[in-house]
């Protein structure tokens, strides 16, 4: 009985973490809205050119993906370090031996 419960708990945890990871970042900024009888939408395009090529033969239009959030670049401080960044180190100067 316990192995079955552990297996169920493991599966539920794995599915929940996979769903959370899938919601974090949307890679595709463009959606194709098809103008056929079903009116489907496909938000799987990296560029507007890909989207336009898809809808050109079957009808429809492209629009920005409302769920797209571009990744923020990692900001790194490019300025050189100054002595004033480390006030405690430079305050103590070594003394010469007599």
N, C-alpha and C. Protein backbone atom coordinates (compact mmCIF):
# COMPACT_ATOMS: atom_id res chain seq x y z
N UNK A 1 0.81 -1.19 0.00
CA UNK A 1 0.00 0.00 0.00
C UNK A 1 0.86 1.26 0.00
N UNK A 2 1.93 1.26 0.81
CA UNK A 2 2.80 2.44 0.88
C UNK A 2 3.52 2.71 -0.43
N UNK A 3 4.02 1.69 -1.12
CA UNK A 3 4.69 1.98 -2.39
C UNK A 3 3.75 2.64 -3.40
N UNK A 4 2.48 2.26 -3.39
CA UNK A 4 1.52 2.85 -4.31
C UNK A 4 1.29 4.32 -3.95
N UNK A 5 1.17 4.64 -2.68
CA UNK A 5 0.99 6.02 -2.26
C UNK A 5 2.20 6.87 -2.61
N UNK A 6 3.37 6.33 -2.39
CA UNK A 6 4.59 7.07 -2.74
C UNK A 6 4.68 7.31 -4.24
N UNK A 7 4.29 6.35 -5.03
CA UNK A 7 4.32 6.51 -6.48
C UNK A 7 3.34 7.60 -6.92
N UNK A 8 2.16 7.63 -6.33
CA UNK A 8 1.17 8.64 -6.67
C UNK A 8 1.66 10.03 -6.26
N UNK A 9 2.23 10.15 -5.07
CA UNK A 9 2.76 11.43 -4.61
C UNK A 9 3.88 11.90 -5.52
N UNK A 10 4.75 10.99 -5.91
CA UNK A 10 5.85 11.35 -6.81
C UNK A 10 5.32 11.83 -8.15
N UNK A 11 4.36 11.14 -8.73
CA UNK A 11 3.80 11.52 -10.03
C UNK A 11 3.11 12.88 -9.96
N UNK A 12 2.35 13.13 -8.92
CA UNK A 12 1.66 14.40 -8.77
C UNK A 12 2.67 15.54 -8.62
N UNK A 13 3.70 15.32 -7.82
CA UNK A 13 4.73 16.34 -7.63
C UNK A 13 5.46 16.62 -8.94
N UNK A 14 5.79 15.59 -9.68
CA UNK A 14 6.49 15.76 -10.96
C UNK A 14 5.62 16.53 -11.95
N UNK A 15 4.35 16.22 -12.03
CA UNK A 15 3.46 16.92 -12.94
C UNK A 15 3.28 18.38 -12.55
N UNK A 16 3.18 18.65 -11.27
CA UNK A 16 3.01 20.03 -10.82
C UNK A 16 4.26 20.86 -11.09
N UNK A 17 5.43 20.28 -10.89
CA UNK A 17 6.65 21.04 -11.14
C UNK A 17 6.85 21.25 -12.64
N UNK A 18 6.47 20.29 -13.45
CA UNK A 18 6.59 20.46 -14.90
C UNK A 18 5.63 21.53 -15.40
N UNK A 19 4.44 21.60 -14.84
CA UNK A 19 3.48 22.62 -15.24
C UNK A 19 3.96 24.00 -14.82
N UNK A 20 4.56 24.11 -13.65
CA UNK A 20 5.07 25.40 -13.18
C UNK A 20 6.24 25.85 -14.05
N UNK A 21 7.09 24.92 -14.44
CA UNK A 21 8.23 25.28 -15.29
C UNK A 21 7.76 25.70 -16.68
N UNK A 22 6.70 25.10 -17.16
CA UNK A 22 6.19 25.45 -18.47
C UNK A 22 5.56 26.84 -18.49
N UNK A 23 5.09 27.32 -17.38
CA UNK A 23 4.44 28.62 -17.32
C UNK A 23 5.43 29.76 -17.12
N UNK A 24 6.67 29.46 -16.80
CA UNK A 24 7.62 30.51 -16.47
C UNK A 24 7.98 31.39 -17.66
N UNK A 25 8.22 30.79 -18.80
CA UNK A 25 8.72 31.57 -19.92
C UNK A 25 8.09 31.10 -21.22
N UNK A 26 7.57 32.03 -21.99
CA UNK A 26 7.00 31.73 -23.29
C UNK A 26 8.01 32.17 -24.34
N UNK A 27 8.44 31.24 -25.19
CA UNK A 27 9.48 31.50 -26.17
C UNK A 27 8.98 32.14 -27.47
N UNK A 28 7.71 32.09 -27.72
CA UNK A 28 7.20 32.48 -29.03
C UNK A 28 6.39 33.77 -28.95
N UNK A 29 6.89 34.86 -29.55
CA UNK A 29 6.21 36.14 -29.42
C UNK A 29 5.08 36.39 -30.41
N UNK A 30 4.85 35.49 -31.38
CA UNK A 30 3.83 35.74 -32.41
C UNK A 30 2.81 34.63 -32.47
N UNK A 31 1.55 35.02 -32.70
CA UNK A 31 0.43 34.08 -32.84
C UNK A 31 -0.20 34.24 -34.21
N UNK A 32 -0.57 33.11 -34.79
CA UNK A 32 -1.33 33.11 -36.04
C UNK A 32 -2.80 32.86 -35.68
N UNK A 33 -3.66 33.74 -36.16
CA UNK A 33 -5.10 33.58 -35.95
C UNK A 33 -5.68 33.20 -37.30
N UNK A 34 -6.17 31.97 -37.39
CA UNK A 34 -6.65 31.44 -38.66
C UNK A 34 -8.09 31.89 -38.92
N UNK A 35 -8.38 32.20 -40.19
CA UNK A 35 -9.72 32.66 -40.53
C UNK A 35 -10.51 31.59 -41.27
N UNK A 36 -10.40 30.36 -40.80
CA UNK A 36 -11.21 29.30 -41.39
C UNK A 36 -12.47 29.09 -40.55
N UNK A 37 -13.19 28.03 -40.78
CA UNK A 37 -14.45 27.80 -40.07
C UNK A 37 -14.26 27.62 -38.57
N UNK A 38 -13.08 27.11 -38.16
CA UNK A 38 -12.86 26.83 -36.75
C UNK A 38 -12.23 28.01 -36.01
N UNK A 39 -11.56 28.90 -36.72
CA UNK A 39 -10.95 30.08 -36.11
C UNK A 39 -9.90 29.76 -35.07
N UNK A 40 -9.00 28.86 -35.38
CA UNK A 40 -7.96 28.46 -34.43
C UNK A 40 -6.86 29.49 -34.28
N UNK A 41 -6.08 29.32 -33.23
CA UNK A 41 -4.95 30.19 -32.94
C UNK A 41 -3.74 29.32 -32.65
N UNK A 42 -2.58 29.73 -33.20
CA UNK A 42 -1.33 29.02 -32.95
C UNK A 42 -0.29 30.04 -32.53
N UNK A 43 0.15 29.98 -31.30
CA UNK A 43 1.15 30.91 -30.78
C UNK A 43 2.52 30.24 -30.71
N UNK A 44 2.96 29.66 -31.80
CA UNK A 44 4.22 28.95 -31.83
C UNK A 44 5.20 29.50 -32.85
N UNK A 45 5.31 30.81 -32.96
CA UNK A 45 6.18 31.41 -33.97
C UNK A 45 7.20 32.33 -33.32
N UNK A 46 8.46 32.13 -33.71
CA UNK A 46 9.54 32.96 -33.18
C UNK A 46 9.65 34.30 -33.86
N UNK A 47 9.27 34.35 -35.14
CA UNK A 47 9.35 35.61 -35.89
C UNK A 47 8.03 35.87 -36.59
N UNK A 48 7.81 37.12 -36.92
CA UNK A 48 6.58 37.46 -37.64
C UNK A 48 6.62 36.90 -39.06
N UNK A 49 7.82 36.75 -39.62
CA UNK A 49 7.94 36.18 -40.96
C UNK A 49 7.44 34.74 -40.98
N UNK A 50 7.77 33.95 -39.95
CA UNK A 50 7.27 32.57 -39.86
C UNK A 50 5.74 32.56 -39.79
N UNK A 51 5.21 33.46 -39.00
CA UNK A 51 3.75 33.53 -38.84
C UNK A 51 3.08 33.91 -40.16
N UNK A 52 3.60 34.93 -40.82
CA UNK A 52 3.01 35.38 -42.09
C UNK A 52 3.09 34.31 -43.17
N UNK A 53 4.19 33.57 -43.20
CA UNK A 53 4.31 32.49 -44.19
C UNK A 53 3.27 31.41 -43.94
N UNK A 54 2.96 31.16 -42.70
CA UNK A 54 1.97 30.13 -42.37
C UNK A 54 0.56 30.55 -42.77
N UNK A 55 0.17 31.77 -42.46
CA UNK A 55 -1.19 32.20 -42.75
C UNK A 55 -1.39 32.63 -44.20
N UNK A 56 -0.30 32.81 -44.96
CA UNK A 56 -0.45 33.31 -46.33
C UNK A 56 -1.20 32.33 -47.22
N UNK A 57 -1.02 31.04 -47.03
CA UNK A 57 -1.69 30.07 -47.88
C UNK A 57 -3.06 29.66 -47.41
N UNK A 58 -3.36 29.84 -46.14
CA UNK A 58 -4.63 29.34 -45.62
C UNK A 58 -5.54 30.43 -45.08
N UNK A 59 -5.04 31.65 -45.01
CA UNK A 59 -5.86 32.76 -44.54
C UNK A 59 -5.74 32.98 -43.05
N UNK A 60 -5.73 34.22 -42.71
CA UNK A 60 -5.63 34.58 -41.30
C UNK A 60 -4.72 35.79 -41.14
N UNK A 61 -4.36 36.07 -39.91
CA UNK A 61 -3.47 37.19 -39.64
C UNK A 61 -2.60 36.86 -38.43
N UNK A 62 -1.58 37.68 -38.22
CA UNK A 62 -0.65 37.49 -37.12
C UNK A 62 -0.84 38.60 -36.09
N UNK A 63 -0.67 38.24 -34.83
CA UNK A 63 -0.76 39.21 -33.76
C UNK A 63 0.26 38.86 -32.69
N UNK A 64 0.66 39.83 -31.86
CA UNK A 64 1.60 39.52 -30.78
C UNK A 64 0.99 38.55 -29.77
N UNK A 65 1.82 37.68 -29.26
CA UNK A 65 1.39 36.72 -28.24
C UNK A 65 1.17 37.47 -26.93
N UNK A 66 -0.04 37.43 -26.36
CA UNK A 66 -0.31 38.17 -25.13
C UNK A 66 0.42 37.61 -23.92
N UNK A 67 0.92 36.38 -24.00
CA UNK A 67 1.60 35.75 -22.88
C UNK A 67 3.12 35.81 -23.00
N UNK A 68 3.62 36.42 -24.05
CA UNK A 68 5.06 36.48 -24.27
C UNK A 68 5.71 37.48 -23.32
N UNK A 69 6.74 37.02 -22.62
CA UNK A 69 7.53 37.88 -21.74
C UNK A 69 8.99 37.67 -22.13
N UNK A 70 9.60 38.67 -22.76
CA UNK A 70 11.00 38.48 -23.16
C UNK A 70 11.89 38.30 -21.94
N UNK A 71 12.93 37.51 -22.14
CA UNK A 71 13.88 37.29 -21.06
C UNK A 71 14.68 38.55 -20.81
N UNK A 72 14.91 38.82 -19.56
CA UNK A 72 15.71 39.96 -19.18
C UNK A 72 17.18 39.55 -19.19
N UNK A 73 18.03 40.32 -19.85
CA UNK A 73 19.45 39.96 -19.85
C UNK A 73 20.04 40.11 -18.44
N UNK A 74 21.03 39.29 -18.18
CA UNK A 74 21.70 39.36 -16.90
C UNK A 74 22.57 40.61 -16.90
N UNK A 75 22.30 41.48 -15.97
CA UNK A 75 23.04 42.74 -15.91
C UNK A 75 24.29 42.55 -15.08
N UNK A 76 25.40 42.85 -15.70
CA UNK A 76 26.66 42.75 -14.99
C UNK A 76 27.29 44.13 -14.92
N UNK A 77 27.81 44.44 -13.79
CA UNK A 77 28.43 45.74 -13.59
C UNK A 77 29.75 45.77 -14.37
N UNK A 78 29.84 46.67 -15.32
CA UNK A 78 31.02 46.75 -16.16
C UNK A 78 32.04 47.77 -15.66
N UNK A 79 31.68 48.50 -14.61
CA UNK A 79 32.61 49.52 -14.13
C UNK A 79 33.75 48.86 -13.35
N UNK A 80 34.96 49.43 -13.46
CA UNK A 80 36.08 48.85 -12.70
C UNK A 80 35.90 49.10 -11.20
N UNK A 81 36.44 48.22 -10.43
CA UNK A 81 36.36 48.36 -8.98
C UNK A 81 37.26 49.51 -8.51
N UNK A 82 36.75 50.26 -7.58
CA UNK A 82 37.51 51.36 -7.02
C UNK A 82 37.88 51.02 -5.58
N UNK A 83 38.87 51.72 -5.08
CA UNK A 83 39.27 51.50 -3.69
C UNK A 83 38.15 51.86 -2.74
N UNK A 84 37.30 52.81 -3.13
CA UNK A 84 36.20 53.21 -2.25
C UNK A 84 35.15 52.12 -2.11
N UNK A 85 35.19 51.11 -3.01
CA UNK A 85 34.26 49.99 -2.88
C UNK A 85 34.60 49.09 -1.69
N UNK A 86 35.85 49.18 -1.24
CA UNK A 86 36.33 48.35 -0.14
C UNK A 86 36.94 49.26 0.93
N UNK A 87 36.13 49.99 1.70
CA UNK A 87 36.68 50.98 2.63
C UNK A 87 37.49 50.37 3.76
N UNK A 88 37.16 49.20 4.23
CA UNK A 88 37.86 48.61 5.37
C UNK A 88 39.25 48.11 5.04
N UNK A 89 39.47 47.74 3.80
CA UNK A 89 40.75 47.18 3.42
C UNK A 89 41.82 48.26 3.31
N UNK A 90 41.51 49.36 2.68
CA UNK A 90 42.51 50.40 2.45
C UNK A 90 42.74 51.29 3.66
N UNK A 91 41.84 51.24 4.64
CA UNK A 91 41.98 52.09 5.80
C UNK A 91 43.15 51.64 6.67
N UNK A 92 43.46 50.36 6.65
CA UNK A 92 44.54 49.83 7.47
C UNK A 92 45.79 49.70 6.60
N UNK A 93 46.76 50.56 6.85
CA UNK A 93 48.01 50.48 6.09
C UNK A 93 49.04 49.73 6.93
N UNK A 94 49.86 48.94 6.29
CA UNK A 94 50.87 48.22 7.07
C UNK A 94 51.91 49.20 7.60
N UNK A 95 52.34 48.96 8.80
CA UNK A 95 53.35 49.83 9.41
C UNK A 95 54.73 49.19 9.22
N UNK A 96 55.68 50.07 8.99
CA UNK A 96 57.06 49.58 8.82
C UNK A 96 57.62 49.16 10.17
N UNK A 97 58.46 48.15 10.15
CA UNK A 97 59.11 47.71 11.39
C UNK A 97 60.24 48.68 11.73
N UNK A 98 60.41 49.01 13.02
CA UNK A 98 61.50 49.95 13.38
C UNK A 98 62.87 49.36 13.23
